Amino acid sequence: MLKEVCIENFTALPKVLAAGARRIELNDNLAVGGTTVSKGVLAEATRYIHEHDASVVAMIRPRGGNFVYNDLELKIMEADLFEAQAQGVDAVTFGALTADGWLDEEAMENLLAASAGMTVVMHMAFDAIPENRQAEAIDWLAEHDVSRILTHGGPLSQPIQATLPHLQKLVADAGDKLTILPGGGITADNVAQITAQLGVQEAHGTKILAY
């Protein structure tokens, strides 16, 4: 079971690695769902994580709020992707949508091109895509070499127990095309039960390890 720990900046990093974390999602501003950390945090955290035989996923998100980005915001995201690459980050997580809730295909293609050499994860922007188009979105993302989708299976206002049926559908829709990474409300206490119910080998959370 791979437990991906979501943290804010460097503060808790030594503790989560000591508690056995093997993959870290690195964020700033978790209160708004996570944004990109500073260059200094990215450099020092990546070095420290690699020294402790773990891998790092960098959040690429220029602000809180929705996932509809203008050209300047997308330019910022591209610059952050190049910086992540320069620092040796293992994976990056991002998502860009259109105003009607579909993938912003042009923006995503440009961001994917800037991510060359790193694993790409679609973050919870996926949950803002209408449910009746999510299977189609999985196919598009898989065709564009996205490796994982981080999803709560519904709005974060719902507990994960309520979204498990939809998460099960997403796992079935994804098949072996890409990995569905459940997150949002997964804790050290419920991770075993949730992953067993979904039949997945990975899970994500801020409280997924006791430390």
C-alpha atoms as a PDB file:
ATOM      1  CA  MET A   1       0.000   0.000   0.000  1.00  0.00           C
ATOM      2  CA  LEU A   2       1.464   3.329  -1.057  1.00  0.00           C
ATOM      3  CA  LYS A   3       0.321   6.212   1.149  1.00  0.00           C
ATOM      4  CA  GLU A   4       0.875   9.607  -0.451  1.00  0.00           C
ATOM      5  CA  VAL A   5       1.096  12.278   2.237  1.00  0.00           C
ATOM      6  CA  CYS A   6      -0.073  15.773   1.375  1.00  0.00           C
ATOM      7  CA  ILE A   7       1.882  18.432   3.294  1.00  0.00           C
ATOM      8  CA  GLU A   8       2.282  22.199   3.399  1.00  0.00           C
ATOM      9  CA  ASN A   9       5.816  23.452   2.765  1.00  0.00           C
ATOM     10  CA  PHE A  10       8.740  21.895   4.675  1.00  0.00           C
ATOM     11  CA  THR A  11       7.437  22.080   8.253  1.00  0.00           C
ATOM     12  CA  ALA A  12       6.081  18.536   8.712  1.00  0.00           C
ATOM     13  CA  LEU A  13       8.391  16.882   6.182  1.00  0.00           C
ATOM     14  CA  PRO A  14      10.928  15.330   8.594  1.00  0.00           C
ATOM     15  CA  LYS A  15       8.086  13.911  10.714  1.00  0.00           C
ATOM     16  CA  VAL A  16       6.169  12.333   7.823  1.00  0.00           C
ATOM     17  CA  LEU A  17       9.290  10.748   6.367  1.00  0.00           C
ATOM     18  CA  ALA A  18      10.222   9.395   9.792  1.00  0.00           C
ATOM     19  CA  ALA A  19       6.695   7.945  10.009  1.00  0.00           C
ATOM     20  CA  GLY A  20       7.303   5.974   6.815  1.00  0.00           C
ATOM     21  CA  ALA A  21       5.972   8.184   3.992  1.00  0.00           C
ATOM     22  CA  ARG A  22       7.365   7.176   0.615  1.00  0.00           C
ATOM     23  CA  ARG A  23       5.610   9.748  -1.555  1.00  0.00           C
ATOM     24  CA  ILE A  24       4.985  13.380  -0.660  1.00  0.00           C
ATOM     25  CA  GLU A  25       2.687  15.859  -2.372  1.00  0.00           C
ATOM     26  CA  LEU A  26       4.215  19.269  -1.702  1.00  0.00           C
ATOM     27  CA  ASN A  27       1.899  22.283  -1.438  1.00  0.00           C
ATOM     28  CA  ASP A  28       1.558  25.789  -0.150  1.00  0.00           C
ATOM     29  CA  ASN A  29      -1.805  27.144   1.088  1.00  0.00           C
ATOM     30  CA  LEU A  30      -3.623  23.905   1.877  1.00  0.00           C
ATOM     31  CA  ALA A  31      -6.485  26.004   3.242  1.00  0.00           C
ATOM     32  CA  VAL A  32      -7.453  26.738  -0.386  1.00  0.00           C
ATOM     33  CA  GLY A  33      -6.706  23.208  -1.610  1.00  0.00           C
ATOM     34  CA  GLY A  34      -3.012  23.696  -2.301  1.00  0.00           C
ATOM     35  CA  THR A  35      -0.930  26.001  -4.490  1.00  0.00           C
ATOM     36  CA  THR A  36       2.649  25.918  -5.775  1.00  0.00           C
ATOM     37  CA  VAL A  37       5.417  26.261  -3.203  1.00  0.00           C
ATOM     38  CA  SER A  38       8.273  28.739  -3.539  1.00  0.00           C
ATOM     39  CA  LYS A  39      11.437  27.873  -5.470  1.00  0.00           C
ATOM     40  CA  GLY A  40      13.368  27.624  -2.187  1.00  0.00           C
ATOM     41  CA  VAL A  41      10.902  25.231  -0.601  1.00  0.00           C
ATOM     42  CA  LEU A  42      10.785  23.149  -3.779  1.00  0.00           C
ATOM     43  CA  ALA A  43      14.571  22.858  -3.955  1.00  0.00           C
ATOM     44  CA  GLU A  44      15.190  22.024  -0.293  1.00  0.00           C
ATOM     45  CA  ALA A  45      12.180  19.720   0.098  1.00  0.00           C
ATOM     46  CA  THR A  46      13.029  17.757  -3.065  1.00  0.00           C
ATOM     47  CA  ARG A  47      16.625  17.305  -1.940  1.00  0.00           C
ATOM     48  CA  TYR A  48      15.537  16.185   1.536  1.00  0.00           C
ATOM     49  CA  ILE A  49      12.856  13.821   0.221  1.00  0.00           C
ATOM     50  CA  HIS A  50      15.277  12.160  -2.207  1.00  0.00           C
ATOM     51  CA  GLU A  51      17.890  11.790   0.549  1.00  0.00           C
ATOM     52  CA  HIS A  52      15.263   9.792   2.455  1.00  0.00           C
ATOM     53  CA  ASP A  53      14.452   7.471  -0.476  1.00  0.00           C
ATOM     54  CA  ALA A  54      11.011   8.930  -1.135  1.00  0.00           C
ATOM     55  CA  SER A  55       9.507  10.660  -4.154  1.00  0.00           C
ATOM     56  CA  VAL A  56       7.996  14.120  -4.492  1.00  0.00           C
ATOM     57  CA  VAL A  57       4.895  15.347  -6.301  1.00  0.00           C
ATOM     58  CA  ALA A  58       4.789  19.124  -6.771  1.00  0.00           C
ATOM     59  CA  MET A  59       1.469  20.954  -6.884  1.00  0.00           C
ATOM     60  CA  ILE A  60       1.327  23.297  -9.891  1.00  0.00           C
ATOM     61  CA  ARG A  61      -1.469  25.758  -9.174  1.00  0.00           C
ATOM     62  CA  PRO A  62      -1.009  29.536  -9.227  1.00  0.00           C
ATOM     63  CA  ARG A  63      -3.962  30.408  -6.957  1.00  0.00           C
ATOM     64  CA  GLY A  64      -6.954  29.035  -5.091  1.00  0.00           C
ATOM     65  CA  GLY A  65     -10.442  29.086  -6.554  1.00  0.00           C
ATOM     66  CA  ASN A  66     -11.536  27.532  -9.807  1.00  0.00           C
ATOM     67  CA  PHE A  67      -9.420  25.783 -12.422  1.00  0.00           C
ATOM     68  CA  VAL A  68     -10.201  28.087 -15.352  1.00  0.00           C
ATOM     69  CA  TYR A  69      -6.927  29.855 -16.084  1.00  0.00           C
ATOM     70  CA  ASN A  70      -6.064  32.832 -18.269  1.00  0.00           C
ATOM     71  CA  ASP A  71      -2.990  32.999 -20.508  1.00  0.00           C
ATOM     72  CA  LEU A  72      -0.840  34.714 -17.873  1.00  0.00           C
ATOM     73  CA  GLU A  73      -1.712  32.106 -15.244  1.00  0.00           C
ATOM     74  CA  LEU A  74      -0.886  29.323 -17.685  1.00  0.00           C
ATOM     75  CA  LYS A  75       2.463  30.998 -18.425  1.00  0.00           C
ATOM     76  CA  ILE A  76       3.162  31.023 -14.664  1.00  0.00           C
ATOM     77  CA  MET A  77       2.268  27.325 -14.456  1.00  0.00           C
ATOM     78  CA  GLU A  78       4.611  26.499 -17.353  1.00  0.00           C
ATOM     79  CA  ALA A  79       7.450  28.373 -15.620  1.00  0.00           C
ATOM     80  CA  ASP A  80       6.746  26.445 -12.410  1.00  0.00           C
ATOM     81  CA  LEU A  81       6.830  23.171 -14.351  1.00  0.00           C
ATOM     82  CA  PHE A  82      10.238  24.031 -15.798  1.00  0.00           C
ATOM     83  CA  GLU A  83      11.456  24.856 -12.279  1.00  0.00           C
ATOM     84  CA  ALA A  84      10.118  21.537 -10.945  1.00  0.00           C
ATOM     85  CA  GLN A  85      11.976  19.760 -13.729  1.00  0.00           C
ATOM     86  CA  ALA A  86      15.181  21.675 -12.939  1.00  0.00           C
ATOM     87  CA  GLN A  87      14.924  20.640  -9.272  1.00  0.00           C
ATOM     88  CA  GLY A  88      14.528  16.956 -10.146  1.00  0.00           C
ATOM     89  CA  VAL A  89      10.924  16.600  -8.991  1.00  0.00           C
ATOM     90  CA  ASP A  90       9.491  13.132  -9.701  1.00  0.00           C
ATOM     91  CA  ALA A  91       5.897  14.102 -10.499  1.00  0.00           C
ATOM     92  CA  VAL A  92       3.714  17.173 -10.933  1.00  0.00           C
ATOM     93  CA  THR A  93      -0.003  17.577 -10.335  1.00  0.00           C
ATOM     94  CA  PHE A  94      -2.232  20.089 -12.124  1.00  0.00           C
ATOM     95  CA  GLY A  95      -5.520  20.510 -13.970  1.00  0.00           C
ATOM     96  CA  ALA A  96      -7.022  23.137 -16.263  1.00  0.00           C
ATOM     97  CA  LEU A  97     -10.703  23.334 -17.189  1.00  0.00           C
ATOM     98  CA  THR A  98     -12.937  25.387 -19.463  1.00  0.00           C
ATOM     99  CA  ALA A  99     -15.777  27.500 -18.093  1.00  0.00           C
ATOM    100  CA  ASP A 100     -18.282  24.739 -18.915  1.00  0.00           C
ATOM    101  CA  GLY A 101     -16.352  22.188 -16.870  1.00  0.00           C
ATOM    102  CA  TRP A 102     -14.528  20.223 -19.560  1.00  0.00           C
ATOM    103  CA  LEU A 103     -10.766  19.781 -19.798  1.00  0.00           C
ATOM    104  CA  ASP A 104      -9.068  22.828 -21.307  1.00  0.00           C
ATOM    105  CA  GLU A 105      -7.434  20.641 -23.923  1.00  0.00           C
ATOM    106  CA  GLU A 106      -5.100  23.263 -25.391  1.00  0.00           C
ATOM    107  CA  ALA A 107      -3.909  24.385 -21.945  1.00  0.00           C
ATOM    108  CA  MET A 108      -3.485  20.791 -20.790  1.00  0.00           C
ATOM    109  CA  GLU A 109      -1.471  19.886 -23.900  1.00  0.00           C
ATOM    110  CA  ASN A 110       0.877  22.851 -23.331  1.00  0.00           C
ATOM    111  CA  LEU A 111       1.294  21.976 -19.645  1.00  0.00           C
ATOM    112  CA  LEU A 112       1.913  18.337 -20.498  1.00  0.00           C
ATOM    113  CA  ALA A 113       4.587  19.369 -22.999  1.00  0.00           C
ATOM    114  CA  ALA A 114       6.283  21.446 -20.271  1.00  0.00           C
ATOM    115  CA  SER A 115       6.190  18.380 -17.960  1.00  0.00           C
ATOM    116  CA  ALA A 116       8.398  16.223 -20.178  1.00  0.00           C
ATOM    117  CA  GLY A 117      10.277  13.624 -18.160  1.00  0.00           C
ATOM    118  CA  MET A 118       8.080  13.922 -15.061  1.00  0.00           C
ATOM    119  CA  THR A 119       5.080  11.809 -14.068  1.00  0.00           C
ATOM    120  CA  VAL A 120       1.856  13.800 -14.497  1.00  0.00           C
ATOM    121  CA  VAL A 121      -1.112  13.628 -12.118  1.00  0.00           C
ATOM    122  CA  MET A 122      -4.513  15.239 -12.727  1.00  0.00           C
ATOM    123  CA  HIS A 123      -5.550  16.710  -9.375  1.00  0.00           C
ATOM    124  CA  MET A 124      -9.033  17.232  -7.924  1.00  0.00           C
ATOM    125  CA  ALA A 125      -9.962  19.653 -10.709  1.00  0.00           C
ATOM    126  CA  PHE A 126     -11.184  16.327 -12.106  1.00  0.00           C
ATOM    127  CA  ASP A 127     -14.066  16.401  -9.618  1.00  0.00           C
ATOM    128  CA  ALA A 128     -15.358  19.626 -11.198  1.00  0.00           C
ATOM    129  CA  ILE A 129     -15.906  17.806 -14.521  1.00  0.00           C
ATOM    130  CA  PRO A 130     -19.561  16.727 -14.879  1.00  0.00           C
ATOM    131  CA  GLU A 131     -19.897  13.104 -13.771  1.00  0.00           C
ATOM    132  CA  ASN A 132     -21.435  12.060 -17.092  1.00  0.00           C
ATOM    133  CA  ARG A 133     -18.229  13.163 -18.865  1.00  0.00           C
ATOM    134  CA  GLN A 134     -15.671  11.784 -16.418  1.00  0.00           C
ATOM    135  CA  ALA A 135     -15.214   8.464 -18.233  1.00  0.00           C
ATOM    136  CA  GLU A 136     -14.481  10.460 -21.402  1.00  0.00           C
ATOM    137  CA  ALA A 137     -12.030  12.607 -19.428  1.00  0.00           C
ATOM    138  CA  ILE A 138     -10.252   9.482 -18.152  1.00  0.00           C
ATOM    139  CA  ASP A 139      -9.777   8.351 -21.755  1.00  0.00           C
ATOM    140  CA  TRP A 140      -8.434  11.760 -22.856  1.00  0.00           C
ATOM    141  CA  LEU A 141      -6.009  11.911 -19.931  1.00  0.00           C
ATOM    142  CA  ALA A 142      -4.807   8.335 -20.474  1.00  0.00           C
ATOM    143  CA  GLU A 143      -4.241   9.038 -24.175  1.00  0.00           C
ATOM    144  CA  HIS A 144      -2.102  12.014 -23.183  1.00  0.00           C
ATOM    145  CA  ASP A 145       0.070   9.949 -20.821  1.00  0.00           C
ATOM    146  CA  VAL A 146      -1.340  11.220 -17.531  1.00  0.00           C
ATOM    147  CA  SER A 147      -0.449   8.530 -14.964  1.00  0.00           C
ATOM    148  CA  ARG A 148      -2.864   9.189 -12.102  1.00  0.00           C
ATOM    149  CA  ILE A 149      -6.046  11.051 -11.250  1.00  0.00           C
ATOM    150  CA  LEU A 150      -6.425  12.332  -7.698  1.00  0.00           C
ATOM    151  CA  THR A 151     -10.142  12.348  -6.960  1.00  0.00           C
ATOM    152  CA  HIS A 152     -12.576  12.494  -4.062  1.00  0.00           C
ATOM    153  CA  GLY A 153     -15.302  11.026  -6.230  1.00  0.00           C
ATOM    154  CA  GLY A 154     -17.532  14.047  -5.649  1.00  0.00           C
ATOM    155  CA  PRO A 155     -17.582  17.419  -3.855  1.00  0.00           C
ATOM    156  CA  LEU A 156     -15.294  17.703  -0.843  1.00  0.00           C
ATOM    157  CA  SER A 157     -18.360  18.751   1.170  1.00  0.00           C
ATOM    158  CA  GLN A 158     -19.405  15.072   1.068  1.00  0.00           C
ATOM    159  CA  PRO A 159     -17.592  12.533   3.281  1.00  0.00           C
ATOM    160  CA  ILE A 160     -15.592   9.988   1.321  1.00  0.00           C
ATOM    161  CA  GLN A 161     -17.910   7.197   2.514  1.00  0.00           C
ATOM    162  CA  ALA A 162     -20.680   8.882   0.482  1.00  0.00           C
ATOM    163  CA  THR A 163     -18.547   9.104  -2.671  1.00  0.00           C
ATOM    164  CA  LEU A 164     -17.224   5.522  -2.568  1.00  0.00           C
ATOM    165  CA  PRO A 165     -19.820   4.214  -5.074  1.00  0.00           C
ATOM    166  CA  HIS A 166     -18.715   6.792  -7.654  1.00  0.00           C
ATOM    167  CA  LEU A 167     -15.046   6.145  -6.872  1.00  0.00           C
ATOM    168  CA  GLN A 168     -15.678   2.454  -7.560  1.00  0.00           C
ATOM    169  CA  LYS A 169     -17.116   3.405 -10.951  1.00  0.00           C
ATOM    170  CA  LEU A 170     -14.076   5.573 -11.723  1.00  0.00           C
ATOM    171  CA  VAL A 171     -11.726   2.719 -10.798  1.00  0.00           C
ATOM    172  CA  ALA A 172     -13.674   0.442 -13.176  1.00  0.00           C
ATOM    173  CA  ASP A 173     -13.689   3.079 -15.940  1.00  0.00           C
ATOM    174  CA  ALA A 174      -9.947   3.616 -15.587  1.00  0.00           C
ATOM    175  CA  GLY A 175      -9.136  -0.097 -15.709  1.00  0.00           C
ATOM    176  CA  ASP A 176      -5.446  -0.411 -16.534  1.00  0.00           C
ATOM    177  CA  LYS A 177      -5.361   2.875 -18.470  1.00  0.00           C
ATOM    178  CA  LEU A 178      -4.268   4.954 -15.477  1.00  0.00           C
ATOM    179  CA  THR A 179      -4.386   4.944 -11.667  1.00  0.00           C
ATOM    180  CA  ILE A 180      -7.275   6.349  -9.660  1.00  0.00           C
ATOM    181  CA  LEU A 181      -5.805   7.859  -6.484  1.00  0.00           C
ATOM    182  CA  PRO A 182      -8.549   8.432  -3.879  1.00  0.00           C
ATOM    183  CA  GLY A 183      -8.167  11.397  -1.530  1.00  0.00           C
ATOM    184  CA  GLY A 184     -10.036  13.869   0.644  1.00  0.00           C
ATOM    185  CA  GLY A 185     -11.021  12.532   4.059  1.00  0.00           C
ATOM    186  CA  ILE A 186      -8.751   9.489   4.028  1.00  0.00           C
ATOM    187  CA  THR A 187      -7.018   9.021   7.382  1.00  0.00           C
ATOM    188  CA  ALA A 188      -4.717   6.540   9.093  1.00  0.00           C
ATOM    189  CA  ASP A 189      -7.863   5.026  10.631  1.00  0.00           C
ATOM    190  CA  ASN A 190      -9.903   4.444   7.455  1.00  0.00           C
ATOM    191  CA  VAL A 191      -7.280   4.022   4.720  1.00  0.00           C
ATOM    192  CA  ALA A 192      -7.178   0.211   4.909  1.00  0.00           C
ATOM    193  CA  GLN A 193     -10.962  -0.128   4.688  1.00  0.00           C
ATOM    194  CA  ILE A 194     -11.332   2.396   1.837  1.00  0.00           C
ATOM    195  CA  THR A 195      -8.524   1.004  -0.315  1.00  0.00           C
ATOM    196  CA  ALA A 196      -9.801  -2.549   0.209  1.00  0.00           C
ATOM    197  CA  GLN A 197     -13.313  -1.507  -0.791  1.00  0.00           C
ATOM    198  CA  LEU A 198     -12.028   0.226  -3.926  1.00  0.00           C
ATOM    199  CA  GLY A 199      -9.441  -2.414  -4.788  1.00  0.00           C
ATOM    200  CA  VAL A 200      -6.644   0.160  -5.128  1.00  0.00           C
ATOM    201  CA  GLN A 201      -3.038   0.106  -3.957  1.00  0.00           C
ATOM    202  CA  GLU A 202      -2.538   3.849  -3.402  1.00  0.00           C
ATOM    203  CA  ALA A 203      -4.263   6.562  -1.361  1.00  0.00           C
ATOM    204  CA  HIS A 204      -3.682  10.252  -0.612  1.00  0.00           C
ATOM    205  CA  GLY A 205      -4.287  12.471   2.419  1.00  0.00           C
ATOM    206  CA  THR A 206      -3.010  15.002   4.908  1.00  0.00           C
ATOM    207  CA  LYS A 207      -3.768  12.615   7.815  1.00  0.00           C
ATOM    208  CA  ILE A 208      -3.094   9.305   6.094  1.00  0.00           C
ATOM    209  CA  LEU A 209      -0.190   8.571   8.450  1.00  0.00           C
ATOM    210  CA  ALA A 210      -0.169   8.935  12.212  1.00  0.00           C
ATOM    211  CA  TYR A 211       2.785  11.186  13.045  1.00  0.00           C
END
